[in-house]
Each structure stands twice: as C-alpha cells, then as structure tokens.
Amino acid sequence: MRSLPPPGPPGSDTWLARTLLDRGLLDLETLRRLLGEARRGGAQSQSLAARVAREELVPPAALAEVLARAPWAGAPSSPPDPALGLDFGGHRLVRRLGAGGMGAVYLARHEATGASRAIKLLAPRDREDAVRFAREGEALARLRPHPNVVGVHACGAAHGRLYLVMDYAPGGSLAERLKPGPLPPEEAARTVEAVARGLAHAHAAGILHRDLKPANVLFDERGTPRLTDFGLARLAWEGSLTASGTVLGTPGSMPPEQISTPRAVDARSDVYGLGALLYEALTGHPPFRGTSVLAVLSKVLEDAPVPPAENAPGVPDWLDALCIAALEKDLAQRPPSAAAFADALARGASPARQGRSLPLAALAGASLLVLLLAALWAFAAPSPAPTPPEVT
C-alpha cells in the first residue's frame, strides 16, 4: 500500500490547492470537492495531499515534487536560478523542470491568460547550436495539433537566450516511470502505440525525430503520452545539419544507419527508434549496452538484439516479434512506417516481413567506422576505469 503524505501546518491545504490549480494538475471542481470533504470531516479528516494521493488524482512524482517545494518543506539546497522571474515572450519563468543536451526547460506562466507552459531555453555555444534550436522550433511550428505531440506556441530570443514555448506536460516522463522497473507488456504496447501515432503525424509533415527515447516521452495531466524534444529533428527533404561528421543521438537507441551512413536516415530510422523505445519499456533497458560508447556503437552495427522476452518473461510472442522486426539492421526489413507499427500494436499482431533480412556480414564494413566515430562522438566516454559503468 502506498504511504500517504503527512499533514502540513495550518493553511497547507489552501496553499496546495492553489498550487495544484496553478500548475494545471487538478481542476477547480475537483479541488472544491476535496476541500469540502475535508471541512465536513472535521479534525479527523485527511489532509488534501493525502486525499489526492489516495485517489491517485495526480501522478505521484508530480505530487511529491510539489510537496518538496512547499513553504513548510524547507528551503531548496540548490542556489537560486537567475533565470527565474524573467519574461520570455509574455511568459514568466516559475521554476526549472530539468535540463537536456539542447538547454534547460522551465515551467512558465502566460501573463495574459495564466496558463501553464513549458519553456526551453538555450544559450547557444555557436551558430550550429542556434540553427539546430531554430530548426526544432520550425519543425514543431509545421505540425498541426496532435494529442500525442507536445505542441509549440511561440519561439524567439530574449535575455541573450533563444526560447521555445511549449505545452506543459505535468505527468513526468517515461524515463521516470521506468525507474522502478519495466512496464507490463499491455501498458508498454499502449504507450508506444500512442507515441507512434504522434510520430506518424510528424512524418506526414515531413519531419524526422531521430532521438526517440523514454526521456522524450512526456505524460499530460490525463496520462496521455506525448512526444517531445525535436532538438535533432530533420526535415525529410533537407540534408543533415552537421557537416563536421559528429554523430548525434542516443547511442543504445539509434539505428545503425544513423551511425554509418547518416544521409540514409529516413522515416524507417524512426521506426527503429520506436522498436528501441518498446524494448526499453518492456525490459527496463535499451537494446544495446556496453562499458563505453565504442562498445555500444559496435553492438548497434554488428549484433542482433536479445529478444525482449528473454529479458522479461511474460512478453507475448507477437509483441516480442514486432519489437525485433523494428530493430532490423536493414531498413527494408522493418515495418514500413510509424503508422504501420502503431496499427500492429493496436491489432496485437506483428506485420509480415518482406524479403530476407540483410546478413550481419553485410554491415561488417560499417564497423570500421566505429574507431573514427568514437573520436567524433559528441558524448565521448571518459578513460576506462577498473569497473566502468554501462553506456546506454
């Protein structure tokens, strides 16, 4: 049984109600009901936090984060963030949500409407950073609203930084949900199906994502999965942004062609990313792991993934086969599109493969690239330690 939050000091319910409402985690009608029940219960009534937790009205991680910042919880240990309180396009920064390879993300309040939004900030290191960030804004701006894609509202520059205003998804990320362990197969299939629907919507607009991973899947207040972080997105009809040869992406989840022949990347490369996402949701880890980036890249290029059912008993045969089909080395042997992959998940049956799988020996030449790519890798591993951690 999940433990309930302890009661706060007098007035804590009022503070919590206002905070949950301001952040869009609960609606006014629900809060009125909960506070009314608390008043009618008298001194023996549970606190608002306990009631919210008991009824599972707010994702546990989101509720814990709110309570950790309550006035009675003590001052945060980290120093104040100088960006807090700044205005970006009519949105005032409230608190920092996290940071990634392309910058920091903040919760912000729209001054005109009071709506909660997420704002990504970037202080560009060079022109390429600025162009890549602008490309993310351009890519998202091309998309019509979709329930499984985090929408963009505005982009611009202020206070020496570039910014992107997006929907706020308060339910945390898939990466957070996988910390305790893998998802049940049915939940994993439903989650990745929703992501695949959003990805198919992006593909229909000519946009490739190129960095599908659990951290880039967020959940809104209804628990709906939504794809985000198009920082490595590429318009399908354009060339690769990086001319220096630097490999971009997440090592254990990227398709082999993104390592060996980046110009060959197309929508089926994102299908591989969906397979890697499904694999991690089913097993708790990506398809390939190793003690260095070099080791992971070698496995991506040369090794066949261990079927998820061997790591997670209980995965049905059809789901196991579909996941492995998406992780084929040869693009032509994968499900043909994100929409087809989503449909297969919805049907509960894997699509038929066409032709024969490309022999792994055909990719042997690509392995010669690994030594060169390791030197160019954006996230190069440190010198090996006696017991190095795994890279994913």
Protein backbone atom coordinates (compact mmCIF):
# COMPACT_ATOMS: atom_id res chain seq x y z
CA MET A 1 0.00 0.00 0.00
CA ARG A 2 1.35 3.40 -0.95
CA SER A 3 2.19 5.62 2.05
CA LEU A 4 0.26 8.87 2.25
CA PRO A 5 1.91 12.30 2.65
CA PRO A 6 1.99 13.60 6.24
CA PRO A 7 -0.26 16.56 7.11
CA GLY A 8 1.20 20.02 6.71
CA PRO A 9 0.80 23.04 9.03
CA PRO A 10 -2.41 25.10 9.22
CA GLY A 11 -3.17 26.63 5.83
CA SER A 12 -1.25 23.97 3.93
CA ASP A 13 -4.37 22.68 2.17
CA THR A 14 -5.08 26.15 0.80
CA TRP A 15 -1.51 26.52 -0.49
CA LEU A 16 -1.56 23.07 -2.05
CA ALA A 17 -4.95 23.64 -3.70
CA ARG A 18 -3.77 26.89 -5.28
CA THR A 19 -0.53 25.28 -6.46
CA LEU A 20 -2.24 22.25 -8.00
CA LEU A 21 -4.70 24.55 -9.76
CA ASP A 22 -1.99 26.93 -10.99
CA ARG A 23 0.05 24.09 -12.45
CA GLY A 24 -2.93 22.54 -14.16
CA LEU A 25 -2.66 19.33 -12.15
CA LEU A 26 -6.24 19.48 -10.82
CA ASP A 27 -9.32 21.37 -11.93
CA LEU A 28 -11.31 23.74 -9.73
CA GLU A 29 -14.34 21.46 -9.40
CA THR A 30 -12.26 18.55 -8.08
CA LEU A 31 -10.44 20.80 -5.61
CA ARG A 32 -13.72 22.19 -4.30
CA ARG A 33 -14.99 18.64 -3.75
CA LEU A 34 -11.86 17.58 -1.88
CA LEU A 35 -11.73 20.68 0.31
CA GLY A 36 -15.45 20.34 1.06
CA GLU A 37 -14.98 16.74 2.15
CA ALA A 38 -12.08 17.81 4.37
CA ARG A 39 -14.18 20.51 6.05
CA ARG A 40 -17.07 18.13 6.66
CA GLY A 41 -14.70 15.55 8.16
CA GLY A 42 -13.54 17.92 10.86
CA ALA A 43 -10.36 17.35 12.86
CA GLN A 44 -10.14 13.66 11.91
CA SER A 45 -10.20 14.37 8.18
CA GLN A 46 -7.22 13.56 5.98
CA SER A 47 -5.15 16.40 4.53
CA LEU A 48 -5.66 17.47 0.92
CA ALA A 49 -2.30 15.92 -0.02
CA ALA A 50 -3.36 12.57 1.47
CA ARG A 51 -6.71 12.66 -0.33
CA VAL A 52 -5.07 13.48 -3.67
CA ALA A 53 -2.56 10.65 -3.19
CA ARG A 54 -5.20 8.14 -2.03
CA GLU A 55 -7.43 8.79 -5.06
CA GLU A 56 -4.38 8.93 -7.39
CA LEU A 57 -5.63 12.18 -8.89
CA VAL A 58 -2.11 13.47 -9.61
CA PRO A 59 0.92 11.44 -10.76
CA PRO A 60 2.91 10.52 -7.62
CA ALA A 61 6.13 12.07 -8.94
CA ALA A 62 4.37 15.37 -9.68
CA LEU A 63 2.71 15.48 -6.24
CA ALA A 64 5.98 14.66 -4.48
CA GLU A 65 7.75 17.42 -6.43
CA VAL A 66 5.06 19.96 -5.43
CA LEU A 67 5.22 18.96 -1.76
CA ALA A 68 9.02 19.10 -1.77
CA ARG A 69 8.75 22.79 -2.71
CA ALA A 70 6.08 23.65 -0.16
CA PRO A 71 6.91 26.58 2.15
CA TRP A 72 6.96 24.26 5.17
CA ALA A 73 9.31 21.76 3.50
CA GLY A 74 12.38 23.96 3.97
CA ALA A 75 14.49 25.94 1.51
CA PRO A 76 15.88 24.12 -1.52
CA SER A 77 19.51 23.09 -1.27
CA SER A 78 20.46 24.40 -4.70
CA PRO A 79 21.29 28.10 -5.25
CA PRO A 80 18.62 30.37 -6.77
CA ASP A 81 18.30 30.21 -10.55
CA PRO A 82 18.90 33.70 -12.04
CA ALA A 83 16.50 32.94 -14.91
CA LEU A 84 13.50 32.60 -12.60
CA GLY A 85 11.15 35.56 -12.89
CA LEU A 86 12.41 36.60 -16.32
CA ASP A 87 9.87 37.24 -19.09
CA PHE A 88 10.12 35.39 -22.40
CA GLY A 89 7.50 36.43 -24.92
CA GLY A 90 4.90 37.21 -22.26
CA HIS A 91 5.69 34.08 -20.23
CA ARG A 92 7.30 34.47 -16.80
CA LEU A 93 9.55 31.64 -15.58
CA VAL A 94 8.32 29.99 -12.38
CA ARG A 95 10.70 27.09 -11.77
CA ARG A 96 13.21 24.88 -13.51
CA LEU A 97 11.92 21.49 -14.67
CA GLY A 98 15.14 19.98 -15.96
CA ALA A 99 17.95 20.20 -18.47
CA GLY A 100 18.99 18.32 -21.61
CA GLY A 101 21.51 18.39 -24.39
CA MET A 102 19.88 21.41 -26.03
CA GLY A 103 19.29 23.54 -22.92
CA ALA A 104 17.17 23.91 -19.78
CA VAL A 105 13.39 23.60 -19.51
CA TYR A 106 11.27 25.75 -17.20
CA LEU A 107 7.68 25.94 -16.06
CA ALA A 108 6.28 29.34 -17.01
CA ARG A 109 3.05 31.24 -16.58
CA HIS A 110 1.48 33.06 -19.52
CA GLU A 111 0.98 36.59 -18.18
CA ALA A 112 -2.17 37.29 -20.21
CA THR A 113 -4.10 34.08 -19.51
CA GLY A 114 -2.41 32.47 -16.51
CA ALA A 115 -1.90 29.25 -18.48
CA SER A 116 1.00 26.98 -17.52
CA ARG A 117 3.54 26.39 -20.27
CA ALA A 118 6.97 24.79 -20.61
CA ILE A 119 9.79 26.94 -21.98
CA LYS A 120 13.05 25.57 -23.33
CA LEU A 121 15.99 27.98 -23.15
CA LEU A 122 19.30 27.81 -24.98
CA ALA A 123 22.38 29.97 -24.66
CA PRO A 124 23.97 28.95 -27.99
CA ARG A 125 27.63 27.98 -27.95
CA ASP A 126 27.98 28.54 -31.67
CA ARG A 127 25.99 29.16 -34.84
CA GLU A 128 25.23 25.48 -35.30
CA ASP A 129 23.58 25.33 -31.86
CA ALA A 130 21.42 28.31 -32.77
CA VAL A 131 20.46 26.85 -36.15
CA ARG A 132 19.60 23.47 -34.62
CA PHE A 133 17.44 25.10 -31.95
CA ALA A 134 15.70 27.25 -34.56
CA ARG A 135 15.12 24.10 -36.60
CA GLU A 136 13.32 22.48 -33.66
CA GLY A 137 11.01 25.49 -33.49
CA GLU A 138 10.49 25.37 -37.25
CA ALA A 139 9.76 21.64 -37.16
CA LEU A 140 7.19 21.92 -34.39
CA ALA A 141 5.61 25.01 -35.94
CA ARG A 142 4.90 22.94 -39.07
CA LEU A 143 2.86 20.45 -37.07
CA ARG A 144 -0.85 20.80 -36.56
CA PRO A 145 -2.01 19.97 -33.02
CA HIS A 146 -1.98 16.25 -32.20
CA PRO A 147 -2.86 14.58 -28.89
CA ASN A 148 0.43 12.64 -28.84
CA VAL A 149 2.82 15.50 -29.67
CA VAL A 150 3.83 18.33 -27.33
CA GLY A 151 2.66 21.47 -29.14
CA VAL A 152 4.66 24.64 -29.66
CA HIS A 153 3.17 28.10 -29.06
CA ALA A 154 5.98 30.53 -29.82
CA CYS A 155 9.73 30.90 -30.24
CA GLY A 156 12.11 33.82 -30.17
CA ALA A 157 15.11 35.38 -28.41
CA ALA A 158 15.33 37.36 -25.16
CA HIS A 159 17.86 38.00 -22.37
CA GLY A 160 20.64 36.63 -24.57
CA ARG A 161 18.93 33.26 -24.99
CA LEU A 162 16.77 31.52 -27.53
CA TYR A 163 13.47 30.20 -26.25
CA LEU A 164 10.70 27.84 -27.30
CA VAL A 165 7.26 27.93 -25.64
CA MET A 166 5.57 24.52 -25.49
CA ASP A 167 2.68 22.70 -23.87
CA TYR A 168 3.31 21.79 -20.23
CA ALA A 169 3.04 18.06 -19.50
CA PRO A 170 2.89 17.66 -15.70
CA GLY A 171 2.78 13.85 -15.61
CA GLY A 172 6.53 13.28 -15.84
CA SER A 173 8.44 11.26 -18.43
CA LEU A 174 8.51 7.63 -19.47
CA ALA A 175 12.10 7.52 -18.19
CA GLU A 176 10.81 8.35 -14.70
CA ARG A 177 8.11 5.70 -14.94
CA LEU A 178 10.72 3.09 -15.88
CA LYS A 179 12.96 3.79 -12.87
CA PRO A 180 11.16 1.22 -10.65
CA GLY A 181 11.25 -1.33 -13.48
CA PRO A 182 9.73 -2.19 -16.87
CA LEU A 183 6.07 -1.67 -17.70
CA PRO A 184 3.61 -4.54 -18.02
CA PRO A 185 3.53 -5.62 -21.70
CA GLU A 186 -0.01 -4.29 -22.28
CA GLU A 187 0.87 -0.86 -20.87
CA ALA A 188 4.14 -0.75 -22.82
CA ALA A 189 2.29 -1.55 -26.05
CA ARG A 190 -0.37 1.13 -25.41
CA THR A 191 2.23 3.75 -24.54
CA VAL A 192 4.43 3.13 -27.57
CA GLU A 193 1.39 2.90 -29.85
CA ALA A 194 0.41 6.43 -28.77
CA VAL A 195 3.96 7.68 -29.39
CA ALA A 196 3.94 6.01 -32.81
CA ARG A 197 0.71 7.85 -33.68
CA GLY A 198 2.33 11.16 -32.80
CA LEU A 199 5.45 10.25 -34.75
CA ALA A 200 3.37 9.28 -37.80
CA HIS A 201 1.76 12.73 -37.60
CA ALA A 202 5.24 14.31 -37.65
CA HIS A 203 6.32 12.11 -40.55
CA ALA A 204 3.24 13.19 -42.52
CA ALA A 205 4.54 16.76 -42.18
CA GLY A 206 7.96 15.66 -43.44
CA ILE A 207 9.66 15.73 -40.02
CA LEU A 208 12.02 13.04 -38.69
CA HIS A 209 12.64 12.93 -34.94
CA ARG A 210 15.95 10.98 -34.78
CA ASP A 211 16.19 10.77 -30.96
CA LEU A 212 13.40 8.57 -29.65
CA LYS A 213 13.99 7.57 -26.02
CA PRO A 214 11.99 7.40 -22.76
CA ALA A 215 13.13 10.87 -21.64
CA ASN A 216 11.47 12.33 -24.75
CA VAL A 217 8.05 10.86 -23.95
CA LEU A 218 6.05 13.01 -21.51
CA PHE A 219 2.61 12.49 -19.97
CA ASP A 220 -0.03 15.20 -19.73
CA GLU A 221 -2.48 15.70 -16.88
CA ARG A 222 -4.69 12.91 -18.26
CA GLY A 223 -1.81 10.46 -18.51
CA THR A 224 -1.67 10.67 -22.32
CA PRO A 225 1.83 10.03 -23.76
CA ARG A 226 3.17 12.93 -25.83
CA LEU A 227 6.34 13.02 -27.92
CA THR A 228 8.68 15.93 -27.30
CA ASP A 229 12.24 17.20 -27.82
CA PHE A 230 12.63 17.57 -31.55
CA GLY A 231 16.11 19.02 -30.97
CA LEU A 232 17.61 16.60 -33.52
CA ALA A 233 14.64 16.78 -35.89
CA ARG A 234 15.35 16.99 -39.59
CA LEU A 235 13.05 17.97 -42.39
CA ALA A 236 12.91 14.91 -44.60
CA TRP A 237 13.73 16.74 -47.82
CA GLU A 238 16.77 18.55 -46.40
CA GLY A 239 20.31 17.37 -45.78
CA SER A 240 21.96 16.67 -42.48
CA LEU A 241 22.61 19.77 -40.40
CA THR A 242 26.00 18.64 -39.10
CA ALA A 243 28.75 18.85 -41.68
CA SER A 244 31.57 18.10 -39.22
CA GLY A 245 30.84 14.36 -39.09
CA THR A 246 29.72 14.42 -35.45
CA VAL A 247 27.21 11.68 -34.69
CA LEU A 248 24.05 12.88 -32.97
CA GLY A 249 21.59 10.82 -30.96
CA THR A 250 21.45 8.38 -28.05
CA PRO A 251 23.95 5.52 -28.55
CA GLY A 252 21.97 2.50 -27.40
CA SER A 253 18.76 3.50 -29.17
CA MET A 254 19.90 4.85 -32.53
CA PRO A 255 19.62 2.86 -35.77
CA PRO A 256 22.83 1.61 -37.41
CA GLU A 257 22.41 3.83 -40.48
CA GLN A 258 22.42 6.92 -38.25
CA ILE A 259 25.95 5.90 -37.25
CA SER A 260 27.37 4.61 -40.53
CA THR A 261 25.50 6.49 -43.27
CA PRO A 262 23.56 9.45 -41.81
CA ARG A 263 22.32 10.53 -45.24
CA ALA A 264 20.41 7.24 -45.49
CA VAL A 265 18.24 8.14 -42.48
CA ASP A 266 14.54 8.24 -43.29
CA ALA A 267 11.19 7.55 -41.61
CA ARG A 268 12.12 3.88 -41.14
CA SER A 269 15.03 5.03 -38.97
CA ASP A 270 12.45 6.44 -36.57
CA VAL A 271 10.63 3.08 -36.74
CA TYR A 272 13.85 1.58 -35.34
CA GLY A 273 13.65 4.21 -32.61
CA LEU A 274 10.12 3.05 -31.80
CA GLY A 275 11.40 -0.51 -31.55
CA ALA A 276 14.14 0.63 -29.17
CA LEU A 277 11.57 2.56 -27.13
CA LEU A 278 9.30 -0.50 -26.93
CA TYR A 279 12.30 -2.67 -25.99
CA GLU A 280 13.20 -0.40 -23.10
CA ALA A 281 9.59 -0.16 -21.92
CA LEU A 282 9.41 -3.98 -21.86
CA THR A 283 12.81 -4.71 -20.31
CA GLY A 284 13.84 -1.56 -18.45
CA HIS A 285 16.95 -1.01 -20.59
CA PRO A 286 17.79 -0.18 -24.24
CA PRO A 287 18.55 -2.91 -26.79
CA PHE A 288 22.32 -2.43 -26.60
CA ARG A 289 24.53 -1.61 -23.63
CA GLY A 290 28.25 -1.57 -23.02
CA THR A 291 31.07 -0.15 -20.91
CA SER A 292 31.96 2.54 -23.46
CA VAL A 293 30.43 4.42 -26.37
CA LEU A 294 32.71 2.47 -28.68
CA ALA A 295 31.33 -0.84 -27.37
CA VAL A 296 27.74 0.31 -27.76
CA LEU A 297 28.29 1.59 -31.31
CA SER A 298 29.90 -1.72 -32.26
CA LYS A 299 26.92 -3.66 -30.93
CA VAL A 300 24.43 -1.43 -32.73
CA LEU A 301 26.26 -2.03 -36.01
CA GLU A 302 27.04 -5.73 -35.68
CA ASP A 303 24.98 -7.54 -33.03
CA ALA A 304 21.42 -8.81 -33.10
CA PRO A 305 19.42 -7.65 -30.06
CA VAL A 306 18.46 -10.23 -27.46
CA PRO A 307 14.69 -10.72 -27.82
CA PRO A 308 12.89 -8.79 -25.07
CA ALA A 309 11.03 -11.93 -23.95
CA GLU A 310 14.37 -13.43 -22.88
CA ASN A 311 14.93 -10.49 -20.51
CA ALA A 312 11.30 -10.04 -19.47
CA PRO A 313 9.27 -13.28 -19.23
CA GLY A 314 5.61 -12.63 -19.93
CA VAL A 315 6.11 -10.63 -23.13
CA PRO A 316 3.74 -12.23 -25.67
CA ASP A 317 5.22 -13.77 -28.81
CA TRP A 318 3.60 -11.26 -31.17
CA LEU A 319 4.95 -8.27 -29.21
CA ASP A 320 8.40 -9.82 -28.98
CA ALA A 321 8.43 -10.43 -32.75
CA LEU A 322 7.18 -6.93 -33.57
CA CYS A 323 9.86 -5.32 -31.40
CA ILE A 324 12.64 -7.36 -33.05
CA ALA A 325 11.22 -6.59 -36.53
CA ALA A 326 11.52 -2.86 -35.84
CA LEU A 327 15.16 -3.36 -34.76
CA GLU A 328 16.25 -4.98 -38.03
CA LYS A 329 19.62 -3.71 -39.29
CA ASP A 330 18.22 -3.35 -42.81
CA LEU A 331 15.70 -0.54 -43.21
CA ALA A 332 13.76 -2.53 -45.81
CA GLN A 333 13.06 -5.32 -43.31
CA ARG A 334 11.44 -3.07 -40.69
CA PRO A 335 7.74 -2.19 -40.53
CA PRO A 336 7.35 0.31 -43.37
CA SER A 337 6.11 3.27 -41.32
CA ALA A 338 5.32 4.56 -37.85
CA ALA A 339 1.62 4.27 -38.70
CA ALA A 340 2.03 0.59 -39.65
CA PHE A 341 3.90 -0.02 -36.40
CA ALA A 342 1.12 1.67 -34.41
CA ASP A 343 -1.52 -0.36 -36.24
CA ALA A 344 0.37 -3.59 -35.48
CA LEU A 345 0.48 -2.69 -31.78
CA ALA A 346 -3.24 -1.92 -31.84
CA ARG A 347 -4.04 -5.22 -33.57
CA GLY A 348 -1.79 -7.23 -31.33
CA ALA A 349 -0.05 -8.90 -34.25
CA SER A 350 3.30 -8.34 -35.90
CA PRO A 351 3.39 -7.28 -39.57
CA ALA A 352 4.77 -9.67 -42.16
CA ARG A 353 8.37 -9.01 -43.13
CA GLN A 354 9.18 -8.66 -46.79
CA GLY A 355 12.16 -10.48 -48.28
CA ARG A 356 15.09 -11.74 -46.30
CA SER A 357 16.91 -9.92 -43.57
CA LEU A 358 20.20 -8.31 -44.56
CA PRO A 359 23.03 -10.56 -43.31
CA LEU A 360 25.01 -9.05 -40.48
CA ALA A 361 28.15 -9.66 -42.53
CA ALA A 362 26.94 -7.02 -44.98
CA LEU A 363 27.33 -4.49 -42.21
CA ALA A 364 30.81 -5.66 -41.23
CA GLY A 365 32.43 -2.91 -43.24
CA ALA A 366 30.49 -0.34 -41.29
CA SER A 367 32.19 -1.49 -38.12
CA LEU A 368 35.43 0.01 -39.43
CA LEU A 369 33.79 3.40 -38.96
CA VAL A 370 33.47 2.91 -35.23
CA LEU A 371 37.03 3.92 -34.37
CA LEU A 372 36.65 7.15 -36.32
CA LEU A 373 33.16 7.84 -34.99
CA ALA A 374 34.26 7.31 -31.41
CA ALA A 375 36.72 10.17 -31.83
CA LEU A 376 33.99 12.39 -33.21
CA TRP A 377 31.26 11.27 -30.83
CA ALA A 378 29.60 14.21 -29.14
CA PHE A 379 29.35 12.35 -25.85
CA ALA A 380 32.75 10.65 -25.86
CA ALA A 381 33.27 8.28 -22.93
CA PRO A 382 35.95 9.08 -20.30
CA SER A 383 39.10 7.00 -19.82
CA PRO A 384 38.11 3.48 -18.76
CA ALA A 385 38.03 2.86 -15.03
CA PRO A 386 38.68 -0.52 -13.40
CA THR A 387 34.93 -1.16 -13.25
CA PRO A 388 33.38 1.18 -15.84
CA PRO A 389 29.64 1.90 -15.83
CA GLU A 390 27.47 0.76 -18.69
CA VAL A 391 26.65 3.18 -21.50
CA THR A 392 23.15 3.04 -22.94
